[in-house]
Amino acid sequence: MPQRTVAVAALLGLHARPATLFVQAAKETGLPVTIAREGQEPVAATSVLAVMALGVEHGQQVTIACPDTDGAEAALDGLCGVLATDPDAVSG
């Protein structure tokens, strides 16, 4: 099962906005992606409540994973990009 570990860049951690953006991106992959914080069981990356319940703070590392299928590596790379970017710091 491919997986990636990435530090969460959002200054407030995976609160409502960053969690929602991540969940939307996870849903767009069409894959059953999971996310876990060290020491916790993985949760569905497509559930904003489950992602927020992890209580991930700025700088903490999470592991995202999905089944080894076509596009899995690219999907995980893209999701890492979402988590490694602070959406509140990006200016339009």
PDB file of N, CA and C in Angstrom:
ATOM      1  N   MET A   1       0.854  -1.177   0.000  1.00  0.00           N
ATOM      2  CA  MET A   1       0.000   0.000   0.000  1.00  0.00           C
ATOM      3  C   MET A   1       0.896   1.236   0.000  1.00  0.00           C
ATOM      4  N   PRO A   2       0.819   2.046  -1.045  1.00  0.00           N
ATOM      5  CA  PRO A   2       1.627   3.267  -1.090  1.00  0.00           C
ATOM      6  C   PRO A   2       1.206   4.230   0.019  1.00  0.00           C
ATOM      7  N   GLN A   3       2.187   4.912   0.570  1.00  0.00           N
ATOM      8  CA  GLN A   3       1.882   5.906   1.593  1.00  0.00           C
ATOM      9  C   GLN A   3       2.920   7.012   1.571  1.00  0.00           C
ATOM     10  N   ARG A   4       2.556   8.138   2.147  1.00  0.00           N
ATOM     11  CA  ARG A   4       3.454   9.279   2.263  1.00  0.00           C
ATOM     12  C   ARG A   4       3.291   9.856   3.662  1.00  0.00           C
ATOM     13  N   THR A   5       4.382  10.392   4.198  1.00  0.00           N
ATOM     14  CA  THR A   5       4.339  11.114   5.463  1.00  0.00           C
ATOM     15  C   THR A   5       4.699  12.555   5.163  1.00  0.00           C
ATOM     16  N   VAL A   6       3.893  13.463   5.692  1.00  0.00           N
ATOM     17  CA  VAL A   6       4.066  14.877   5.390  1.00  0.00           C
ATOM     18  C   VAL A   6       3.717  15.705   6.621  1.00  0.00           C
ATOM     19  N   ALA A   7       4.422  16.821   6.796  1.00  0.00           N
ATOM     20  CA  ALA A   7       4.118  17.756   7.879  1.00  0.00           C
ATOM     21  C   ALA A   7       3.016  18.704   7.412  1.00  0.00           C
ATOM     22  N   VAL A   8       2.071  18.961   8.284  1.00  0.00           N
ATOM     23  CA  VAL A   8       0.946  19.845   7.963  1.00  0.00           C
ATOM     24  C   VAL A   8       1.414  21.288   8.081  1.00  0.00           C
ATOM     25  N   ALA A   9       1.268  22.041   6.999  1.00  0.00           N
ATOM     26  CA  ALA A   9       1.768  23.413   6.946  1.00  0.00           C
ATOM     27  C   ALA A   9       0.791  24.452   7.483  1.00  0.00           C
ATOM     28  N   ALA A  10      -0.486  24.148   7.508  1.00  0.00           N
ATOM     29  CA  ALA A  10      -1.483  25.128   7.962  1.00  0.00           C
ATOM     30  C   ALA A  10      -1.155  25.577   9.389  1.00  0.00           C
ATOM     31  N   LEU A  11      -1.057  26.883   9.592  1.00  0.00           N
ATOM     32  CA  LEU A  11      -0.657  27.419  10.894  1.00  0.00           C
ATOM     33  C   LEU A  11      -1.586  27.005  12.019  1.00  0.00           C
ATOM     34  N   LEU A  12      -2.837  26.769  11.713  1.00  0.00           N
ATOM     35  CA  LEU A  12      -3.787  26.341  12.733  1.00  0.00           C
ATOM     36  C   LEU A  12      -4.055  24.845  12.662  1.00  0.00           C
ATOM     37  N   GLY A  13      -3.222  24.116  11.932  1.00  0.00           N
ATOM     38  CA  GLY A  13      -3.417  22.674  11.799  1.00  0.00           C
ATOM     39  C   GLY A  13      -4.577  22.353  10.876  1.00  0.00           C
ATOM     40  N   LEU A  14      -5.089  21.144  11.007  1.00  0.00           N
ATOM     41  CA  LEU A  14      -6.198  20.735  10.134  1.00  0.00           C
ATOM     42  C   LEU A  14      -7.529  21.163  10.746  1.00  0.00           C
ATOM     43  N   HIS A  15      -7.720  22.487  10.821  1.00  0.00           N
ATOM     44  CA  HIS A  15      -9.005  23.034  11.248  1.00  0.00           C
ATOM     45  C   HIS A  15      -9.939  23.044  10.044  1.00  0.00           C
ATOM     46  N   ALA A  16     -11.070  23.685  10.148  1.00  0.00           N
ATOM     47  CA  ALA A  16     -12.137  23.575   9.147  1.00  0.00           C
ATOM     48  C   ALA A  16     -11.693  23.803   7.700  1.00  0.00           C
ATOM     49  N   ARG A  17     -11.068  24.917   7.413  1.00  0.00           N
ATOM     50  CA  ARG A  17     -10.738  25.219   6.014  1.00  0.00           C
ATOM     51  C   ARG A  17      -9.687  24.267   5.429  1.00  0.00           C
ATOM     52  N   PRO A  18      -8.526  24.092   6.055  1.00  0.00           N
ATOM     53  CA  PRO A  18      -7.552  23.168   5.491  1.00  0.00           C
ATOM     54  C   PRO A  18      -8.073  21.733   5.429  1.00  0.00           C
ATOM     55  N   ALA A  19      -8.830  21.320   6.429  1.00  0.00           N
ATOM     56  CA  ALA A  19      -9.385  19.965   6.424  1.00  0.00           C
ATOM     57  C   ALA A  19     -10.355  19.800   5.265  1.00  0.00           C
ATOM     58  N   THR A  20     -11.182  20.800   5.028  1.00  0.00           N
ATOM     59  CA  THR A  20     -12.143  20.738   3.929  1.00  0.00           C
ATOM     60  C   THR A  20     -11.430  20.675   2.585  1.00  0.00           C
ATOM     61  N   LEU A  21     -10.404  21.481   2.403  1.00  0.00           N
ATOM     62  CA  LEU A  21      -9.647  21.461   1.147  1.00  0.00           C
ATOM     63  C   LEU A  21      -8.985  20.105   0.929  1.00  0.00           C
ATOM     64  N   PHE A  22      -8.441  19.525   1.998  1.00  0.00           N
ATOM     65  CA  PHE A  22      -7.812  18.212   1.889  1.00  0.00           C
ATOM     66  C   PHE A  22      -8.855  17.147   1.558  1.00  0.00           C
ATOM     67  N   VAL A  23      -9.983  17.167   2.238  1.00  0.00           N
ATOM     68  CA  VAL A  23     -11.042  16.183   2.000  1.00  0.00           C
ATOM     69  C   VAL A  23     -11.555  16.284   0.571  1.00  0.00           C
ATOM     70  N   GLN A  24     -11.742  17.496   0.068  1.00  0.00           N
ATOM     71  CA  GLN A  24     -12.185  17.666  -1.323  1.00  0.00           C
ATOM     72  C   GLN A  24     -11.173  17.061  -2.284  1.00  0.00           C
ATOM     73  N   ALA A  25      -9.898  17.311  -2.035  1.00  0.00           N
ATOM     74  CA  ALA A  25      -8.855  16.759  -2.901  1.00  0.00           C
ATOM     75  C   ALA A  25      -8.830  15.235  -2.814  1.00  0.00           C
ATOM     76  N   ALA A  26      -9.030  14.700  -1.617  1.00  0.00           N
ATOM     77  CA  ALA A  26      -9.052  13.237  -1.445  1.00  0.00           C
ATOM     78  C   ALA A  26     -10.231  12.627  -2.202  1.00  0.00           C
ATOM     79  N   LYS A  27     -11.376  13.268  -2.147  1.00  0.00           N
ATOM     80  CA  LYS A  27     -12.558  12.777  -2.869  1.00  0.00           C
ATOM     81  C   LYS A  27     -12.319  12.797  -4.374  1.00  0.00           C
ATOM     82  N   GLU A  28     -11.633  13.829  -4.853  1.00  0.00           N
ATOM     83  CA  GLU A  28     -11.370  13.959  -6.283  1.00  0.00           C
ATOM     84  C   GLU A  28     -10.473  12.849  -6.824  1.00  0.00           C
ATOM     85  N   THR A  29      -9.683  12.213  -5.962  1.00  0.00           N
ATOM     86  CA  THR A  29      -8.827  11.121  -6.434  1.00  0.00           C
ATOM     87  C   THR A  29      -9.654   9.900  -6.828  1.00  0.00           C
ATOM     88  N   GLY A  30     -10.822   9.746  -6.222  1.00  0.00           N
ATOM     89  CA  GLY A  30     -11.653   8.578  -6.482  1.00  0.00           C
ATOM     90  C   GLY A  30     -11.116   7.322  -5.815  1.00  0.00           C
ATOM     91  N   LEU A  31     -10.110   7.479  -4.944  1.00  0.00           N
ATOM     92  CA  LEU A  31      -9.487   6.343  -4.259  1.00  0.00           C
ATOM     93  C   LEU A  31      -9.848   6.362  -2.777  1.00  0.00           C
ATOM     94  N   PRO A  32      -9.852   5.196  -2.138  1.00  0.00           N
ATOM     95  CA  PRO A  32     -10.117   5.141  -0.693  1.00  0.00           C
ATOM     96  C   PRO A  32      -8.872   5.529   0.107  1.00  0.00           C
ATOM     97  N   VAL A  33      -8.650   6.817   0.240  1.00  0.00           N
ATOM     98  CA  VAL A  33      -7.470   7.352   0.916  1.00  0.00           C
ATOM     99  C   VAL A  33      -7.723   7.403   2.424  1.00  0.00           C
ATOM    100  N   THR A  34      -6.679   7.099   3.194  1.00  0.00           N
ATOM    101  CA  THR A  34      -6.756   7.252   4.642  1.00  0.00           C
ATOM    102  C   THR A  34      -5.692   8.235   5.099  1.00  0.00           C
ATOM    103  N   ILE A  35      -5.913   8.799   6.289  1.00  0.00           N
ATOM    104  CA  ILE A  35      -4.952   9.708   6.903  1.00  0.00           C
ATOM    105  C   ILE A  35      -4.835   9.325   8.375  1.00  0.00           C
ATOM    106  N   ALA A  36      -3.618   9.384   8.889  1.00  0.00           N
ATOM    107  CA  ALA A  36      -3.397   9.033  10.290  1.00  0.00           C
ATOM    108  C   ALA A  36      -2.338   9.926  10.900  1.00  0.00           C
ATOM    109  N   ARG A  37      -2.535  10.219  12.160  1.00  0.00           N
ATOM    110  CA  ARG A  37      -1.523  10.895  12.958  1.00  0.00           C
ATOM    111  C   ARG A  37      -0.788   9.813  13.731  1.00  0.00           C
ATOM    112  N   GLU A  38       0.485  10.017  14.020  1.00  0.00           N
ATOM    113  CA  GLU A  38       1.266   9.002  14.718  1.00  0.00           C
ATOM    114  C   GLU A  38       0.560   8.572  16.009  1.00  0.00           C
ATOM    115  N   GLY A  39       0.451   7.276  16.184  1.00  0.00           N
ATOM    116  CA  GLY A  39      -0.166   6.730  17.387  1.00  0.00           C
ATOM    117  C   GLY A  39      -1.674   6.607  17.313  1.00  0.00           C
ATOM    118  N   GLN A  40      -2.263   6.994  16.187  1.00  0.00           N
ATOM    119  CA  GLN A  40      -3.713   6.899  16.029  1.00  0.00           C
ATOM    120  C   GLN A  40      -4.047   6.005  14.846  1.00  0.00           C
ATOM    121  N   GLU A  41      -5.241   5.461  14.869  1.00  0.00           N
ATOM    122  CA  GLU A  41      -5.714   4.642  13.764  1.00  0.00           C
ATOM    123  C   GLU A  41      -6.015   5.537  12.557  1.00  0.00           C
ATOM    124  N   PRO A  42      -5.794   5.026  11.346  1.00  0.00           N
ATOM    125  CA  PRO A  42      -6.143   5.798  10.153  1.00  0.00           C
ATOM    126  C   PRO A  42      -7.649   6.019  10.056  1.00  0.00           C
ATOM    127  N   VAL A  43      -8.008   7.161   9.478  1.00  0.00           N
ATOM    128  CA  VAL A  43      -9.419   7.478   9.239  1.00  0.00           C
ATOM    129  C   VAL A  43      -9.603   7.782   7.761  1.00  0.00           C
ATOM    130  N   ALA A  44     -10.832   7.739   7.318  1.00  0.00           N
ATOM    131  CA  ALA A  44     -11.145   8.047   5.928  1.00  0.00           C
ATOM    132  C   ALA A  44     -10.815   9.506   5.639  1.00  0.00           C
ATOM    133  N   ALA A  45     -10.023   9.729   4.603  1.00  0.00           N
ATOM    134  CA  ALA A  45      -9.632  11.092   4.229  1.00  0.00           C
ATOM    135  C   ALA A  45     -10.773  11.826   3.538  1.00  0.00           C
ATOM    136  N   THR A  46     -11.874  11.157   3.315  1.00  0.00           N
ATOM    137  CA  THR A  46     -13.014  11.778   2.657  1.00  0.00           C
ATOM    138  C   THR A  46     -14.059  12.268   3.658  1.00  0.00           C
ATOM    139  N   SER A  47     -13.751  12.187   4.942  1.00  0.00           N
ATOM    140  CA  SER A  47     -14.662  12.650   5.988  1.00  0.00           C
ATOM    141  C   SER A  47     -14.049  13.835   6.718  1.00  0.00           C
ATOM    142  N   VAL A  48     -14.629  14.987   6.533  1.00  0.00           N
ATOM    143  CA  VAL A  48     -14.075  16.195   7.167  1.00  0.00           C
ATOM    144  C   VAL A  48     -14.120  16.071   8.685  1.00  0.00           C
ATOM    145  N   LEU A  49     -15.164  15.473   9.223  1.00  0.00           N
ATOM    146  CA  LEU A  49     -15.245  15.317  10.677  1.00  0.00           C
ATOM    147  C   LEU A  49     -14.162  14.387  11.197  1.00  0.00           C
ATOM    148  N   ALA A  50     -13.908  13.292  10.485  1.00  0.00           N
ATOM    149  CA  ALA A  50     -12.864  12.355  10.903  1.00  0.00           C
ATOM    150  C   ALA A  50     -11.490  12.999  10.823  1.00  0.00           C
ATOM    151  N   VAL A  51     -11.248  13.765   9.761  1.00  0.00           N
ATOM    152  CA  VAL A  51      -9.953  14.435   9.596  1.00  0.00           C
ATOM    153  C   VAL A  51      -9.752  15.473  10.697  1.00  0.00           C
ATOM    154  N   MET A  52     -10.767  16.257  10.978  1.00  0.00           N
ATOM    155  CA  MET A  52     -10.651  17.269  12.029  1.00  0.00           C
ATOM    156  C   MET A  52     -10.490  16.624  13.402  1.00  0.00           C
ATOM    157  N   ALA A  53     -11.137  15.473  13.613  1.00  0.00           N
ATOM    158  CA  ALA A  53     -11.071  14.788  14.906  1.00  0.00           C
ATOM    159  C   ALA A  53      -9.668  14.260  15.219  1.00  0.00           C
ATOM    160  N   LEU A  54      -8.815  14.155  14.211  1.00  0.00           N
ATOM    161  CA  LEU A  54      -7.438  13.735  14.458  1.00  0.00           C
ATOM    162  C   LEU A  54      -6.684  14.744  15.326  1.00  0.00           C
ATOM    163  N   GLY A  55      -7.132  15.989  15.299  1.00  0.00           N
ATOM    164  CA  GLY A  55      -6.501  17.022  16.114  1.00  0.00           C
ATOM    165  C   GLY A  55      -5.091  17.367  15.681  1.00  0.00           C
ATOM    166  N   VAL A  56      -4.847  17.355  14.385  1.00  0.00           N
ATOM    167  CA  VAL A  56      -3.510  17.621  13.860  1.00  0.00           C
ATOM    168  C   VAL A  56      -3.201  19.112  13.939  1.00  0.00           C
ATOM    169  N   GLU A  57      -2.056  19.419  14.529  1.00  0.00           N
ATOM    170  CA  GLU A  57      -1.622  20.801  14.674  1.00  0.00           C
ATOM    171  C   GLU A  57      -0.535  21.130  13.655  1.00  0.00           C
ATOM    172  N   HIS A  58      -0.248  22.414  13.530  1.00  0.00           N
ATOM    173  CA  HIS A  58       0.790  22.892  12.612  1.00  0.00           C
ATOM    174  C   HIS A  58       2.108  22.165  12.869  1.00  0.00           C
ATOM    175  N   GLY A  59       2.710  21.667  11.790  1.00  0.00           N
ATOM    176  CA  GLY A  59       4.006  21.018  11.881  1.00  0.00           C
ATOM    177  C   GLY A  59       3.968  19.543  12.226  1.00  0.00           C
ATOM    178  N   GLN A  60       2.823  19.053  12.687  1.00  0.00           N
ATOM    179  CA  GLN A  60       2.739  17.629  12.991  1.00  0.00           C
ATOM    180  C   GLN A  60       2.713  16.822  11.700  1.00  0.00           C
ATOM    181  N   GLN A  61       3.260  15.630  11.773  1.00  0.00           N
ATOM    182  CA  GLN A  61       3.282  14.770  10.598  1.00  0.00           C
ATOM    183  C   GLN A  61       2.092  13.829  10.586  1.00  0.00           C
ATOM    184  N   VAL A  62       1.589  13.618   9.376  1.00  0.00           N
ATOM    185  CA  VAL A  62       0.510  12.661   9.150  1.00  0.00           C
ATOM    186  C   VAL A  62       0.953  11.715   8.048  1.00  0.00           C
ATOM    187  N   THR A  63       0.352  10.553   8.027  1.00  0.00           N
ATOM    188  CA  THR A  63       0.624   9.585   6.978  1.00  0.00           C
ATOM    189  C   THR A  63      -0.649   9.374   6.186  1.00  0.00           C
ATOM    190  N   ILE A  64      -0.542   9.546   4.881  1.00  0.00           N
ATOM    191  CA  ILE A  64      -1.684   9.281   4.005  1.00  0.00           C
ATOM    192  C   ILE A  64      -1.364   8.039   3.185  1.00  0.00           C
ATOM    193  N   ALA A  65      -2.386   7.245   2.925  1.00  0.00           N
ATOM    194  CA  ALA A  65      -2.188   5.986   2.219  1.00  0.00           C
ATOM    195  C   ALA A  65      -3.411   5.653   1.388  1.00  0.00           C
ATOM    196  N   CYS A  66      -3.211   4.793   0.396  1.00  0.00           N
ATOM    197  CA  CYS A  66      -4.310   4.286  -0.419  1.00  0.00           C
ATOM    198  C   CYS A  66      -3.861   2.982  -1.070  1.00  0.00           C
ATOM    199  N   PRO A  67      -4.814   2.210  -1.588  1.00  0.00           N
ATOM    200  CA  PRO A  67      -4.442   0.943  -2.236  1.00  0.00           C
ATOM    201  C   PRO A  67      -3.524   1.188  -3.432  1.00  0.00           C
ATOM    202  N   ASP A  68      -2.723   0.193  -3.743  1.00  0.00           N
ATOM    203  CA  ASP A  68      -1.785   0.267  -4.861  1.00  0.00           C
ATOM    204  C   ASP A  68      -2.532   0.030  -6.169  1.00  0.00           C
ATOM    205  N   THR A  69      -3.015   1.113  -6.758  1.00  0.00           N
ATOM    206  CA  THR A  69      -3.741   1.057  -8.017  1.00  0.00           C
ATOM    207  C   THR A  69      -3.150   2.088  -8.968  1.00  0.00           C
ATOM    208  N   ASP A  70      -3.600   2.048 -10.213  1.00  0.00           N
ATOM    209  CA  ASP A  70      -3.157   3.060 -11.172  1.00  0.00           C
ATOM    210  C   ASP A  70      -3.490   4.447 -10.636  1.00  0.00           C
ATOM    211  N   GLY A  71      -2.522   5.308 -10.635  1.00  0.00           N
ATOM    212  CA  GLY A  71      -2.724   6.681 -10.197  1.00  0.00           C
ATOM    213  C   GLY A  71      -2.539   6.903  -8.709  1.00  0.00           C
ATOM    214  N   ALA A  72      -2.271   5.844  -7.955  1.00  0.00           N
ATOM    215  CA  ALA A  72      -2.146   6.001  -6.500  1.00  0.00           C
ATOM    216  C   ALA A  72      -0.974   6.895  -6.127  1.00  0.00           C
ATOM    217  N   GLU A  73       0.169   6.680  -6.741  1.00  0.00           N
ATOM    218  CA  GLU A  73       1.358   7.474  -6.401  1.00  0.00           C
ATOM    219  C   GLU A  73       1.131   8.955  -6.705  1.00  0.00           C
ATOM    220  N   ALA A  74       0.560   9.236  -7.860  1.00  0.00           N
ATOM    221  CA  ALA A  74       0.288  10.626  -8.243  1.00  0.00           C
ATOM    222  C   ALA A  74      -0.745  11.255  -7.308  1.00  0.00           C
ATOM    223  N   ALA A  75      -1.754  10.473  -6.934  1.00  0.00           N
ATOM    224  CA  ALA A  75      -2.785  10.973  -6.023  1.00  0.00           C
ATOM    225  C   ALA A  75      -2.170  11.341  -4.678  1.00  0.00           C
ATOM    226  N   LEU A  76      -1.317  10.474  -4.149  1.00  0.00           N
ATOM    227  CA  LEU A  76      -0.681  10.758  -2.860  1.00  0.00           C
ATOM    228  C   LEU A  76       0.249  11.960  -2.956  1.00  0.00           C
ATOM    229  N   ASP A  77       0.964  12.081  -4.065  1.00  0.00           N
ATOM    230  CA  ASP A  77       1.828  13.250  -4.255  1.00  0.00           C
ATOM    231  C   ASP A  77       1.002  14.534  -4.231  1.00  0.00           C
ATOM    232  N   GLY A  78      -0.128  14.518  -4.911  1.00  0.00           N
ATOM    233  CA  GLY A  78      -1.001  15.695  -4.939  1.00  0.00           C
ATOM    234  C   GLY A  78      -1.558  16.031  -3.567  1.00  0.00           C
ATOM    235  N   LEU A  79      -1.952  15.004  -2.816  1.00  0.00           N
ATOM    236  CA  LEU A  79      -2.487  15.233  -1.482  1.00  0.00           C
ATOM    237  C   LEU A  79      -1.410  15.748  -0.534  1.00  0.00           C
ATOM    238  N   CYS A  80      -0.193  15.293  -0.718  1.00  0.00           N
ATOM    239  CA  CYS A  80       0.927  15.825   0.077  1.00  0.00           C
ATOM    240  C   CYS A  80       1.089  17.318  -0.190  1.00  0.00           C
ATOM    241  N   GLY A  81       0.924  17.694  -1.440  1.00  0.00           N
ATOM    242  CA  GLY A  81       1.024  19.104  -1.803  1.00  0.00           C
ATOM    243  C   GLY A  81      -0.032  19.947  -1.109  1.00  0.00           C
ATOM    244  N   VAL A  82      -1.225  19.398  -0.973  1.00  0.00           N
ATOM    245  CA  VAL A  82      -2.308  20.119  -0.286  1.00  0.00           C
ATOM    246  C   VAL A  82      -1.940  20.308   1.183  1.00  0.00           C
ATOM    247  N   LEU A  83      -1.467  19.252   1.826  1.00  0.00           N
ATOM    248  CA  LEU A  83      -1.136  19.334   3.251  1.00  0.00           C
ATOM    249  C   LEU A  83       0.112  20.169   3.509  1.00  0.00           C
ATOM    250  N   ALA A  84       1.020  20.224   2.563  1.00  0.00           N
ATOM    251  CA  ALA A  84       2.275  20.953   2.742  1.00  0.00           C
ATOM    252  C   ALA A  84       2.143  22.438   2.410  1.00  0.00           C
ATOM    253  N   THR A  85       0.928  22.877   2.118  1.00  0.00           N
ATOM    254  CA  THR A  85       0.670  24.278   1.787  1.00  0.00           C
ATOM    255  C   THR A  85      -0.297  24.867   2.810  1.00  0.00           C
ATOM    256  N   ASP A  86       0.015  26.038   3.325  1.00  0.00           N
ATOM    257  CA  ASP A  86      -0.900  26.717   4.253  1.00  0.00           C
ATOM    258  C   ASP A  86      -1.887  27.539   3.429  1.00  0.00           C
ATOM    259  N   PRO A  87      -3.145  27.106   3.337  1.00  0.00           N
ATOM    260  CA  PRO A  87      -4.115  27.812   2.498  1.00  0.00           C
ATOM    261  C   PRO A  87      -4.399  29.222   2.994  1.00  0.00           C
ATOM    262  N   ASP A  88      -4.174  29.479   4.267  1.00  0.00           N
ATOM    263  CA  ASP A  88      -4.430  30.819   4.805  1.00  0.00           C
ATOM    264  C   ASP A  88      -3.291  31.782   4.502  1.00  0.00           C
ATOM    265  N   ALA A  89      -2.131  31.252   4.056  1.00  0.00           N
ATOM    266  CA  ALA A  89      -0.990  32.098   3.743  1.00  0.00           C
ATOM    267  C   ALA A  89      -0.885  32.379   2.239  1.00  0.00           C
ATOM    268  N   VAL A  90      -1.674  31.654   1.452  1.00  0.00           N
ATOM    269  CA  VAL A  90      -1.626  31.815  -0.014  1.00  0.00           C
ATOM    270  C   VAL A  90      -2.466  33.024  -0.387  1.00  0.00           C
ATOM    271  N   SER A  91      -1.864  33.937  -1.110  1.00  0.00           N
ATOM    272  CA  SER A  91      -2.607  35.125  -1.546  1.00  0.00           C
ATOM    273  C   SER A  91      -2.984  34.983  -2.995  1.00  0.00           C
ATOM    274  N   GLY A  92      -4.106  35.559  -3.344  1.00  0.00           N
ATOM    275  CA  GLY A  92      -4.609  35.439  -4.704  1.00  0.00           C
ATOM    276  C   GLY A  92      -4.172  36.538  -5.494  1.00  0.00           C
TER     277      GLY A  92
END
